[in-house]
Amino acid sequence: MRFTGLEVLLERAQSLGRARVAVAAAADKQVLEAVKMAQTVGLIDPLLIGSGVGIEDLARQIGLDLGKAELIDEPDPVAAAHKAVDAVVRGRAHFLMKGLVNTADFLRAVLRAEDGLRSGRLLSHLAAISVPGFNRLLFLTDGGINISPTLEQKKEILANALDCMHRIGMGEVKVVALSANEVPSAKMVSSTDAAALAEMGERGEFVGAVVDGPLALDGAISAAALKHKGIKSRVNGDADLFLVPTIEVGNAVIKSMLYFAGATFAGIILGAKTPIVMTSRNDSPRSKLMSIAFAAVSREAGV
């Protein structure tokens, strides 16, 4: 199946019942607004870990009913991150959400050697983007974790994304490894890496996927653009997943869709024992809600 938009993903998450989410350093207004929305639509039962005074004050401001949440008072953000990881490790929560804590400190807690959430896989970010007027949900990886991945890391990033997308119910996934040119050139590493990944796909190294590249963005989503350029593609402008060469490209593509096209975004971290909601402070509460829904569906599927 294909998802036509994030609302379909949200409905799927709602049908699965409430998940338990541990929010690390939860005294953040936008995070708590997203928690409130997710609680209201029946997605989650929150475990809020952070400054009790701060959480209670913000909850009053936004009308969040803490009677339906569990609160653990821990004013130190780093300690709160570790306690949130503890909650997941000990089965008190299904997945994790980052609040007002430094990203590096948060990830150190996730990846700690003893009783952390390491799975042996590379951590990577998967975005789901709903663009008004577009007929399907688009996915993009990795625009949030790995800065300039090697070819081997790109292979792991793609494997993470495909595993998640298959588990949430998608069948054959059409992947385009993006570059600025359709002809591989040693002067452009993204193009040679993309060609190598496409060759791996042809050899069957990515089960349940068609992998093409290198292609520019227009060729990933427009069969007409490919025809005009005289390019043959197995994906033929019908991509489900963009594999970007660097974090800068992923960041720019996502934010272009958000700010120029009015898109809605959800993103989760893959590669740990459970999915992780780690959004930007600038993301809207609705985007954070959709990220929670994405994690809930992935968690239920066993990602």
C-alpha atoms as a PDB file:
ATOM      1  CA  MET A   1       0.000   0.000   0.000  1.00  0.00           C
ATOM      2  CA  ARG A   2       0.915   3.654  -0.352  1.00  0.00           C
ATOM      3  CA  PHE A   3      -0.029   6.397   2.084  1.00  0.00           C
ATOM      4  CA  THR A   4      -1.808   9.313   0.430  1.00  0.00           C
ATOM      5  CA  GLY A   5      -0.850  11.679   3.246  1.00  0.00           C
ATOM      6  CA  LEU A   6       0.054  12.037   6.901  1.00  0.00           C
ATOM      7  CA  GLU A   7      -3.609  11.992   7.911  1.00  0.00           C
ATOM      8  CA  VAL A   8      -3.770   8.365   6.771  1.00  0.00           C
ATOM      9  CA  LEU A   9      -0.709   7.597   8.893  1.00  0.00           C
ATOM     10  CA  LEU A  10      -2.384   9.320  11.852  1.00  0.00           C
ATOM     11  CA  GLU A  11      -5.571   7.280  11.393  1.00  0.00           C
ATOM     12  CA  ARG A  12      -3.506   4.100  11.260  1.00  0.00           C
ATOM     13  CA  ALA A  13      -1.778   5.056  14.517  1.00  0.00           C
ATOM     14  CA  GLN A  14      -5.120   5.826  16.198  1.00  0.00           C
ATOM     15  CA  SER A  15      -6.445   2.396  15.214  1.00  0.00           C
ATOM     16  CA  LEU A  16      -3.613   0.725  17.128  1.00  0.00           C
ATOM     17  CA  GLY A  17      -4.586   2.139  20.516  1.00  0.00           C
ATOM     18  CA  ARG A  18      -2.585   4.262  22.912  1.00  0.00           C
ATOM     19  CA  ALA A  19       1.196   3.935  23.041  1.00  0.00           C
ATOM     20  CA  ARG A  20       3.270   4.895  26.043  1.00  0.00           C
ATOM     21  CA  VAL A  21       5.829   7.595  25.194  1.00  0.00           C
ATOM     22  CA  ALA A  22       8.632   8.774  27.484  1.00  0.00           C
ATOM     23  CA  VAL A  23       9.356  12.465  26.915  1.00  0.00           C
ATOM     24  CA  ALA A  24      12.867  13.515  27.987  1.00  0.00           C
ATOM     25  CA  ALA A  25      13.147  17.056  29.451  1.00  0.00           C
ATOM     26  CA  ALA A  26       9.468  17.650  28.815  1.00  0.00           C
ATOM     27  CA  ALA A  27       9.263  21.269  30.053  1.00  0.00           C
ATOM     28  CA  ASP A  28       8.935  22.662  26.529  1.00  0.00           C
ATOM     29  CA  LYS A  29       5.735  24.405  25.433  1.00  0.00           C
ATOM     30  CA  GLN A  30       5.648  23.141  21.848  1.00  0.00           C
ATOM     31  CA  VAL A  31       6.476  19.597  22.877  1.00  0.00           C
ATOM     32  CA  LEU A  32       3.723  19.642  25.502  1.00  0.00           C
ATOM     33  CA  GLU A  33       1.274  21.086  22.972  1.00  0.00           C
ATOM     34  CA  ALA A  34       2.039  18.125  20.705  1.00  0.00           C
ATOM     35  CA  VAL A  35       1.651  15.760  23.672  1.00  0.00           C
ATOM     36  CA  LYS A  36      -1.729  17.328  24.414  1.00  0.00           C
ATOM     37  CA  MET A  37      -2.843  16.877  20.794  1.00  0.00           C
ATOM     38  CA  ALA A  38      -1.645  13.270  20.741  1.00  0.00           C
ATOM     39  CA  GLN A  39      -3.360  12.564  24.055  1.00  0.00           C
ATOM     40  CA  THR A  40      -6.608  14.160  22.845  1.00  0.00           C
ATOM     41  CA  VAL A  41      -6.795  12.068  19.662  1.00  0.00           C
ATOM     42  CA  GLY A  42      -6.063   8.850  21.563  1.00  0.00           C
ATOM     43  CA  LEU A  43      -2.499   8.234  20.410  1.00  0.00           C
ATOM     44  CA  ILE A  44      -0.528   8.187  23.642  1.00  0.00           C
ATOM     45  CA  ASP A  45      -0.329   7.984  27.386  1.00  0.00           C
ATOM     46  CA  PRO A  46       2.616  10.278  28.200  1.00  0.00           C
ATOM     47  CA  LEU A  47       5.371   9.762  30.741  1.00  0.00           C
ATOM     48  CA  LEU A  48       6.741  13.296  31.238  1.00  0.00           C
ATOM     49  CA  ILE A  49      10.255  13.495  32.665  1.00  0.00           C
ATOM     50  CA  GLY A  50      11.704  16.889  33.489  1.00  0.00           C
ATOM     51  CA  SER A  51      11.298  19.906  35.738  1.00  0.00           C
ATOM     52  CA  GLY A  52       8.055  19.253  37.576  1.00  0.00           C
ATOM     53  CA  VAL A  53       7.454  22.945  38.252  1.00  0.00           C
ATOM     54  CA  GLY A  54       8.160  23.839  34.632  1.00  0.00           C
ATOM     55  CA  ILE A  55       5.929  21.102  33.251  1.00  0.00           C
ATOM     56  CA  GLU A  56       3.057  21.976  35.584  1.00  0.00           C
ATOM     57  CA  ASP A  57       3.309  25.679  34.733  1.00  0.00           C
ATOM     58  CA  LEU A  58       3.288  25.028  30.982  1.00  0.00           C
ATOM     59  CA  ALA A  59       0.484  22.482  31.335  1.00  0.00           C
ATOM     60  CA  ARG A  60      -1.687  25.146  32.982  1.00  0.00           C
ATOM     61  CA  GLN A  61      -0.912  27.581  30.166  1.00  0.00           C
ATOM     62  CA  ILE A  62      -1.963  25.203  27.401  1.00  0.00           C
ATOM     63  CA  GLY A  63      -4.691  23.254  29.195  1.00  0.00           C
ATOM     64  CA  LEU A  64      -2.883  19.906  29.327  1.00  0.00           C
ATOM     65  CA  ASP A  65      -4.514  17.538  31.811  1.00  0.00           C
ATOM     66  CA  LEU A  66      -1.664  16.084  33.830  1.00  0.00           C
ATOM     67  CA  GLY A  67      -4.135  13.801  35.561  1.00  0.00           C
ATOM     68  CA  LYS A  68      -3.888  11.617  32.460  1.00  0.00           C
ATOM     69  CA  ALA A  69      -0.097  11.634  32.429  1.00  0.00           C
ATOM     70  CA  GLU A  70       2.678  10.335  34.651  1.00  0.00           C
ATOM     71  CA  LEU A  71       5.169  12.960  35.792  1.00  0.00           C
ATOM     72  CA  ILE A  72       8.731  12.322  36.985  1.00  0.00           C
ATOM     73  CA  ASP A  73      10.414  15.375  38.460  1.00  0.00           C
ATOM     74  CA  GLU A  74      13.977  15.647  37.150  1.00  0.00           C
ATOM     75  CA  PRO A  75      15.162  19.233  36.589  1.00  0.00           C
ATOM     76  CA  ASP A  76      18.501  18.244  35.041  1.00  0.00           C
ATOM     77  CA  PRO A  77      17.966  17.697  31.267  1.00  0.00           C
ATOM     78  CA  VAL A  78      20.781  15.163  30.887  1.00  0.00           C
ATOM     79  CA  ALA A  79      19.513  13.098  33.821  1.00  0.00           C
ATOM     80  CA  ALA A  80      15.993  13.374  32.385  1.00  0.00           C
ATOM     81  CA  ALA A  81      17.223  11.920  29.091  1.00  0.00           C
ATOM     82  CA  HIS A  82      18.751   8.960  30.904  1.00  0.00           C
ATOM     83  CA  LYS A  83      15.586   8.393  32.917  1.00  0.00           C
ATOM     84  CA  ALA A  84      13.532   8.455  29.719  1.00  0.00           C
ATOM     85  CA  VAL A  85      15.816   5.816  28.201  1.00  0.00           C
ATOM     86  CA  ASP A  86      15.491   3.816  31.437  1.00  0.00           C
ATOM     87  CA  ALA A  87      11.717   3.889  31.044  1.00  0.00           C
ATOM     88  CA  VAL A  88      11.910   2.396  27.547  1.00  0.00           C
ATOM     89  CA  VAL A  89      14.548  -0.190  28.494  1.00  0.00           C
ATOM     90  CA  ARG A  90      12.452  -1.345  31.484  1.00  0.00           C
ATOM     91  CA  GLY A  91       9.237  -1.575  29.463  1.00  0.00           C
ATOM     92  CA  ARG A  92       7.493   1.419  31.039  1.00  0.00           C
ATOM     93  CA  ALA A  93       7.324   3.169  27.653  1.00  0.00           C
ATOM     94  CA  HIS A  94       7.124   1.991  24.071  1.00  0.00           C
ATOM     95  CA  PHE A  95       9.236   4.748  22.537  1.00  0.00           C
ATOM     96  CA  LEU A  96      11.125   7.932  23.256  1.00  0.00           C
ATOM     97  CA  MET A  97      10.637  11.630  22.478  1.00  0.00           C
ATOM     98  CA  LYS A  98      13.178  14.415  22.827  1.00  0.00           C
ATOM     99  CA  GLY A  99      12.183  17.552  24.718  1.00  0.00           C
ATOM    100  CA  LEU A 100      14.276  20.509  25.861  1.00  0.00           C
ATOM    101  CA  VAL A 101      17.644  18.764  26.007  1.00  0.00           C
ATOM    102  CA  ASN A 102      20.754  19.156  23.870  1.00  0.00           C
ATOM    103  CA  THR A 103      20.697  16.709  20.960  1.00  0.00           C
ATOM    104  CA  ALA A 104      24.197  15.390  21.651  1.00  0.00           C
ATOM    105  CA  ASP A 105      23.327  14.735  25.321  1.00  0.00           C
ATOM    106  CA  PHE A 106      20.077  13.072  24.302  1.00  0.00           C
ATOM    107  CA  LEU A 107      21.790  10.756  21.817  1.00  0.00           C
ATOM    108  CA  ARG A 108      24.529   9.911  24.314  1.00  0.00           C
ATOM    109  CA  ALA A 109      21.803   8.630  26.628  1.00  0.00           C
ATOM    110  CA  VAL A 110      20.225   6.630  23.791  1.00  0.00           C
ATOM    111  CA  LEU A 111      23.565   5.101  22.792  1.00  0.00           C
ATOM    112  CA  ARG A 112      25.078   4.553  26.230  1.00  0.00           C
ATOM    113  CA  ALA A 113      26.983   1.292  26.478  1.00  0.00           C
ATOM    114  CA  GLU A 114      25.078  -0.078  29.476  1.00  0.00           C
ATOM    115  CA  ASP A 115      21.299  -0.526  29.225  1.00  0.00           C
ATOM    116  CA  GLY A 116      20.941   1.859  26.312  1.00  0.00           C
ATOM    117  CA  LEU A 117      18.965   1.498  23.110  1.00  0.00           C
ATOM    118  CA  ARG A 118      21.785   0.412  20.801  1.00  0.00           C
ATOM    119  CA  SER A 119      20.771  -2.211  18.260  1.00  0.00           C
ATOM    120  CA  GLY A 120      24.043  -2.486  16.359  1.00  0.00           C
ATOM    121  CA  ARG A 121      22.609  -0.512  13.453  1.00  0.00           C
ATOM    122  CA  LEU A 122      23.519   2.978  12.289  1.00  0.00           C
ATOM    123  CA  LEU A 123      21.145   5.661  13.551  1.00  0.00           C
ATOM    124  CA  SER A 124      19.435   7.532  10.722  1.00  0.00           C
ATOM    125  CA  HIS A 125      16.540   9.913  10.172  1.00  0.00           C
ATOM    126  CA  LEU A 126      13.477   9.148   8.073  1.00  0.00           C
ATOM    127  CA  ALA A 127      11.081  11.941   7.112  1.00  0.00           C
ATOM    128  CA  ALA A 128       7.544  11.536   5.824  1.00  0.00           C
ATOM    129  CA  ILE A 129       6.327  14.598   3.916  1.00  0.00           C
ATOM    130  CA  SER A 130       2.791  15.390   2.799  1.00  0.00           C
ATOM    131  CA  VAL A 131       2.792  17.995   0.003  1.00  0.00           C
ATOM    132  CA  PRO A 132      -0.525  19.684  -0.906  1.00  0.00           C
ATOM    133  CA  GLY A 133      -1.696  18.579  -4.342  1.00  0.00           C
ATOM    134  CA  PHE A 134       0.675  15.601  -4.463  1.00  0.00           C
ATOM    135  CA  ASN A 135      -0.929  12.168  -4.700  1.00  0.00           C
ATOM    136  CA  ARG A 136       1.241  10.279  -2.231  1.00  0.00           C
ATOM    137  CA  LEU A 137       3.295  10.612   0.908  1.00  0.00           C
ATOM    138  CA  LEU A 138       6.980  11.186   0.150  1.00  0.00           C
ATOM    139  CA  PHE A 139       9.782   9.840   2.311  1.00  0.00           C
ATOM    140  CA  LEU A 140      13.330  11.213   2.619  1.00  0.00           C
ATOM    141  CA  THR A 141      16.466   9.917   4.312  1.00  0.00           C
ATOM    142  CA  ASP A 142      18.801  11.055   5.872  1.00  0.00           C
ATOM    143  CA  GLY A 143      18.175  14.742   6.468  1.00  0.00           C
ATOM    144  CA  GLY A 144      18.725  14.749  10.209  1.00  0.00           C
ATOM    145  CA  ILE A 145      21.556  12.598  11.593  1.00  0.00           C
ATOM    146  CA  ASN A 146      24.398  11.609   9.268  1.00  0.00           C
ATOM    147  CA  ILE A 147      26.239  14.628   7.876  1.00  0.00           C
ATOM    148  CA  SER A 148      28.156  13.252   4.898  1.00  0.00           C
ATOM    149  CA  PRO A 149      27.699   9.492   4.850  1.00  0.00           C
ATOM    150  CA  THR A 150      30.014   7.100   3.048  1.00  0.00           C
ATOM    151  CA  LEU A 151      28.691   4.648   0.487  1.00  0.00           C
ATOM    152  CA  GLU A 152      28.563   1.903   3.130  1.00  0.00           C
ATOM    153  CA  GLN A 153      26.675   4.209   5.484  1.00  0.00           C
ATOM    154  CA  LYS A 154      24.231   5.139   2.702  1.00  0.00           C
ATOM    155  CA  LYS A 155      23.575   1.441   2.254  1.00  0.00           C
ATOM    156  CA  GLU A 156      22.763   1.153   5.986  1.00  0.00           C
ATOM    157  CA  ILE A 157      20.624   4.304   5.895  1.00  0.00           C
ATOM    158  CA  LEU A 158      18.639   2.922   2.976  1.00  0.00           C
ATOM    159  CA  ALA A 159      18.222  -0.443   4.720  1.00  0.00           C
ATOM    160  CA  ASN A 160      16.853   1.299   7.835  1.00  0.00           C
ATOM    161  CA  ALA A 161      14.328   3.268   5.797  1.00  0.00           C
ATOM    162  CA  LEU A 162      13.176   0.288   3.749  1.00  0.00           C
ATOM    163  CA  ASP A 163      12.784  -1.841   6.872  1.00  0.00           C
ATOM    164  CA  CYS A 164      10.544   0.813   8.427  1.00  0.00           C
ATOM    165  CA  MET A 165       8.511   1.438   5.276  1.00  0.00           C
ATOM    166  CA  HIS A 166       7.878  -2.260   4.713  1.00  0.00           C
ATOM    167  CA  ARG A 167       6.884  -2.783   8.327  1.00  0.00           C
ATOM    168  CA  ILE A 168       4.312   0.020   8.298  1.00  0.00           C
ATOM    169  CA  GLY A 169       2.611  -1.668   5.350  1.00  0.00           C
ATOM    170  CA  MET A 170       4.225  -0.439   2.152  1.00  0.00           C
ATOM    171  CA  GLY A 171       4.978  -2.980  -0.558  1.00  0.00           C
ATOM    172  CA  GLU A 172       7.629  -2.403  -3.200  1.00  0.00           C
ATOM    173  CA  VAL A 173       9.338   0.904  -2.441  1.00  0.00           C
ATOM    174  CA  LYS A 174      10.587   3.021  -5.327  1.00  0.00           C
ATOM    175  CA  VAL A 175      13.851   4.685  -4.327  1.00  0.00           C
ATOM    176  CA  VAL A 176      15.827   7.428  -6.032  1.00  0.00           C
ATOM    177  CA  ALA A 177      19.382   8.183  -4.912  1.00  0.00           C
ATOM    178  CA  LEU A 178      19.593  11.910  -5.570  1.00  0.00           C
ATOM    179  CA  SER A 179      22.442  13.791  -7.199  1.00  0.00           C
ATOM    180  CA  ALA A 180      22.767  16.911  -9.351  1.00  0.00           C
ATOM    181  CA  ASN A 181      23.490  14.967 -12.517  1.00  0.00           C
ATOM    182  CA  GLU A 182      22.219  11.777 -14.104  1.00  0.00           C
ATOM    183  CA  VAL A 183      25.655  10.783 -15.458  1.00  0.00           C
ATOM    184  CA  PRO A 184      28.060   9.329 -12.872  1.00  0.00           C
ATOM    185  CA  SER A 185      31.221  11.401 -12.543  1.00  0.00           C
ATOM    186  CA  ALA A 186      34.245  10.883 -10.329  1.00  0.00           C
ATOM    187  CA  LYS A 187      34.140  14.630  -9.654  1.00  0.00           C
ATOM    188  CA  MET A 188      30.737  14.228  -7.965  1.00  0.00           C
ATOM    189  CA  VAL A 189      30.792  11.555  -5.271  1.00  0.00           C
ATOM    190  CA  SER A 190      27.017  11.644  -4.873  1.00  0.00           C
ATOM    191  CA  SER A 191      26.616  10.510  -8.486  1.00  0.00           C
ATOM    192  CA  THR A 192      29.008   7.554  -8.248  1.00  0.00           C
ATOM    193  CA  ASP A 193      27.552   6.494  -4.885  1.00  0.00           C
ATOM    194  CA  ALA A 194      24.053   6.660  -6.364  1.00  0.00           C
ATOM    195  CA  ALA A 195      25.096   4.520  -9.322  1.00  0.00           C
ATOM    196  CA  ALA A 196      26.672   1.985  -6.953  1.00  0.00           C
ATOM    197  CA  LEU A 197      23.488   1.798  -4.872  1.00  0.00           C
ATOM    198  CA  ALA A 198      21.406   1.303  -8.022  1.00  0.00           C
ATOM    199  CA  GLU A 199      23.716  -1.570  -9.018  1.00  0.00           C
ATOM    200  CA  MET A 200      23.276  -3.088  -5.553  1.00  0.00           C
ATOM    201  CA  GLY A 201      19.527  -2.844  -6.069  1.00  0.00           C
ATOM    202  CA  GLU A 202      19.741  -4.618  -9.405  1.00  0.00           C
ATOM    203  CA  ARG A 203      21.668  -7.423  -7.697  1.00  0.00           C
ATOM    204  CA  GLY A 204      18.808  -7.820  -5.212  1.00  0.00           C
ATOM    205  CA  GLU A 205      20.614  -6.431  -2.172  1.00  0.00           C
ATOM    206  CA  PHE A 206      17.576  -4.318  -1.215  1.00  0.00           C
ATOM    207  CA  VAL A 207      14.601  -6.647  -0.960  1.00  0.00           C
ATOM    208  CA  GLY A 208      11.228  -5.118  -1.796  1.00  0.00           C
ATOM    209  CA  ALA A 209      12.678  -2.063  -3.488  1.00  0.00           C
ATOM    210  CA  VAL A 210      13.506  -0.632  -6.890  1.00  0.00           C
ATOM    211  CA  VAL A 211      16.571   1.597  -6.576  1.00  0.00           C
ATOM    212  CA  ASP A 212      17.544   4.085  -9.279  1.00  0.00           C
ATOM    213  CA  GLY A 213      20.178   6.780  -9.512  1.00  0.00           C
ATOM    214  CA  PRO A 214      21.834   9.044  -9.947  1.00  0.00           C
ATOM    215  CA  LEU A 215      18.855  11.275 -10.703  1.00  0.00           C
ATOM    216  CA  ALA A 216      18.123  14.922  -9.996  1.00  0.00           C
ATOM    217  CA  LEU A 217      14.981  15.773  -8.041  1.00  0.00           C
ATOM    218  CA  ASP A 218      12.871  16.560 -11.108  1.00  0.00           C
ATOM    219  CA  GLY A 219      13.518  13.108 -12.532  1.00  0.00           C
ATOM    220  CA  ALA A 220      12.549  11.509  -9.238  1.00  0.00           C
ATOM    221  CA  ILE A 221       9.010  12.901  -9.350  1.00  0.00           C
ATOM    222  CA  SER A 222       8.314  13.737 -13.008  1.00  0.00           C
ATOM    223  CA  ALA A 223       8.144  11.247 -15.857  1.00  0.00           C
ATOM    224  CA  ALA A 224       7.730  14.225 -18.194  1.00  0.00           C
ATOM    225  CA  ALA A 225      11.072  15.664 -17.038  1.00  0.00           C
ATOM    226  CA  LEU A 226      12.774  12.339 -17.737  1.00  0.00           C
ATOM    227  CA  LYS A 227      11.228  12.109 -21.190  1.00  0.00           C
ATOM    228  CA  HIS A 228      12.321  15.656 -21.996  1.00  0.00           C
ATOM    229  CA  LYS A 229      15.890  14.813 -20.930  1.00  0.00           C
ATOM    230  CA  GLY A 230      15.851  11.502 -22.790  1.00  0.00           C
ATOM    231  CA  ILE A 231      16.530   9.503 -19.613  1.00  0.00           C
ATOM    232  CA  LYS A 232      15.213   6.003 -18.974  1.00  0.00           C
ATOM    233  CA  SER A 233      14.456   5.215 -15.343  1.00  0.00           C
ATOM    234  CA  ARG A 234      13.053   2.165 -13.606  1.00  0.00           C
ATOM    235  CA  VAL A 235      11.318   4.467 -11.125  1.00  0.00           C
ATOM    236  CA  ASN A 236      10.147   6.764 -13.953  1.00  0.00           C
ATOM    237  CA  GLY A 237       9.204   9.796 -11.868  1.00  0.00           C
ATOM    238  CA  ASP A 238       7.216   7.798  -9.321  1.00  0.00           C
ATOM    239  CA  ALA A 239       9.596   7.800  -6.334  1.00  0.00           C
ATOM    240  CA  ASP A 240       8.429   6.955  -2.820  1.00  0.00           C
ATOM    241  CA  LEU A 241      11.779   7.549  -1.113  1.00  0.00           C
ATOM    242  CA  PHE A 242      14.547  10.068  -1.742  1.00  0.00           C
ATOM    243  CA  LEU A 243      17.979   9.001  -0.536  1.00  0.00           C
ATOM    244  CA  VAL A 244      19.906  12.267  -0.201  1.00  0.00           C
ATOM    245  CA  PRO A 245      23.703  12.470  -0.442  1.00  0.00           C
ATOM    246  CA  THR A 246      24.256  14.757   2.561  1.00  0.00           C
ATOM    247  CA  ILE A 247      22.397  16.231   5.501  1.00  0.00           C
ATOM    248  CA  GLU A 248      22.483  19.691   3.868  1.00  0.00           C
ATOM    249  CA  VAL A 249      20.613  18.418   0.809  1.00  0.00           C
ATOM    250  CA  GLY A 250      18.006  16.668   2.950  1.00  0.00           C
ATOM    251  CA  ASN A 251      17.530  19.713   5.154  1.00  0.00           C
ATOM    252  CA  ALA A 252      17.104  21.998   2.132  1.00  0.00           C
ATOM    253  CA  VAL A 253      14.660  19.694   0.338  1.00  0.00           C
ATOM    254  CA  ILE A 254      12.472  19.255   3.414  1.00  0.00           C
ATOM    255  CA  LYS A 255      12.432  22.950   4.323  1.00  0.00           C
ATOM    256  CA  SER A 256      11.756  23.959   0.717  1.00  0.00           C
ATOM    257  CA  MET A 257       8.674  21.743   0.752  1.00  0.00           C
ATOM    258  CA  LEU A 258       7.564  23.137   4.113  1.00  0.00           C
ATOM    259  CA  TYR A 259       8.044  26.834   3.378  1.00  0.00           C
ATOM    260  CA  PHE A 260       7.402  27.036  -0.371  1.00  0.00           C
ATOM    261  CA  ALA A 261       4.766  24.335  -0.798  1.00  0.00           C
ATOM    262  CA  GLY A 262       2.978  24.312   2.584  1.00  0.00           C
ATOM    263  CA  ALA A 263       3.919  20.707   3.267  1.00  0.00           C
ATOM    264  CA  THR A 264       3.489  18.895   6.589  1.00  0.00           C
ATOM    265  CA  PHE A 265       6.389  16.921   7.954  1.00  0.00           C
ATOM    266  CA  ALA A 266       6.936  14.014  10.319  1.00  0.00           C
ATOM    267  CA  GLY A 267      10.291  12.565  11.248  1.00  0.00           C
ATOM    268  CA  ILE A 268      11.681   9.773  13.374  1.00  0.00           C
ATOM    269  CA  ILE A 269      15.075   8.298  14.201  1.00  0.00           C
ATOM    270  CA  LEU A 270      15.641   4.690  13.157  1.00  0.00           C
ATOM    271  CA  GLY A 271      18.352   2.210  14.063  1.00  0.00           C
ATOM    272  CA  ALA A 272      17.775   2.067  17.826  1.00  0.00           C
ATOM    273  CA  LYS A 273      15.753  -0.631  19.585  1.00  0.00           C
ATOM    274  CA  THR A 274      12.680   1.588  19.329  1.00  0.00           C
ATOM    275  CA  PRO A 275      11.773   4.532  17.080  1.00  0.00           C
ATOM    276  CA  ILE A 276      12.673   7.940  18.479  1.00  0.00           C
ATOM    277  CA  VAL A 277      10.837  11.239  18.024  1.00  0.00           C
ATOM    278  CA  MET A 278      13.495  13.930  17.745  1.00  0.00           C
ATOM    279  CA  THR A 279      12.069  17.060  16.135  1.00  0.00           C
ATOM    280  CA  SER A 280      13.432  20.552  15.676  1.00  0.00           C
ATOM    281  CA  ARG A 281      12.403  23.271  18.113  1.00  0.00           C
ATOM    282  CA  ASN A 282      11.056  25.181  15.103  1.00  0.00           C
ATOM    283  CA  ASP A 283       8.745  22.347  14.049  1.00  0.00           C
ATOM    284  CA  SER A 284       5.085  23.087  14.642  1.00  0.00           C
ATOM    285  CA  PRO A 285       3.099  21.195  17.289  1.00  0.00           C
ATOM    286  CA  ARG A 286       1.185  19.533  14.429  1.00  0.00           C
ATOM    287  CA  SER A 287       4.429  18.337  12.870  1.00  0.00           C
ATOM    288  CA  LYS A 288       5.440  16.958  16.255  1.00  0.00           C
ATOM    289  CA  LEU A 289       2.034  15.241  16.512  1.00  0.00           C
ATOM    290  CA  MET A 290       2.543  13.594  13.137  1.00  0.00           C
ATOM    291  CA  SER A 291       6.027  12.506  14.206  1.00  0.00           C
ATOM    292  CA  ILE A 292       4.498  10.865  17.285  1.00  0.00           C
ATOM    293  CA  ALA A 293       1.984   9.112  15.013  1.00  0.00           C
ATOM    294  CA  PHE A 294       4.806   7.947  12.725  1.00  0.00           C
ATOM    295  CA  ALA A 295       6.700   6.528  15.707  1.00  0.00           C
ATOM    296  CA  ALA A 296       3.554   4.874  17.053  1.00  0.00           C
ATOM    297  CA  VAL A 297       2.903   3.071  13.762  1.00  0.00           C
ATOM    298  CA  SER A 298       6.569   2.080  13.492  1.00  0.00           C
ATOM    299  CA  ARG A 299       6.645   0.893  17.095  1.00  0.00           C
ATOM    300  CA  GLU A 300       3.568  -1.258  16.603  1.00  0.00           C
ATOM    301  CA  ALA A 301       5.154  -2.756  13.518  1.00  0.00           C
ATOM    302  CA  GLY A 302       8.234  -3.696  15.484  1.00  0.00           C
ATOM    303  CA  VAL A 303      10.743  -1.206  14.101  1.00  0.00           C
END
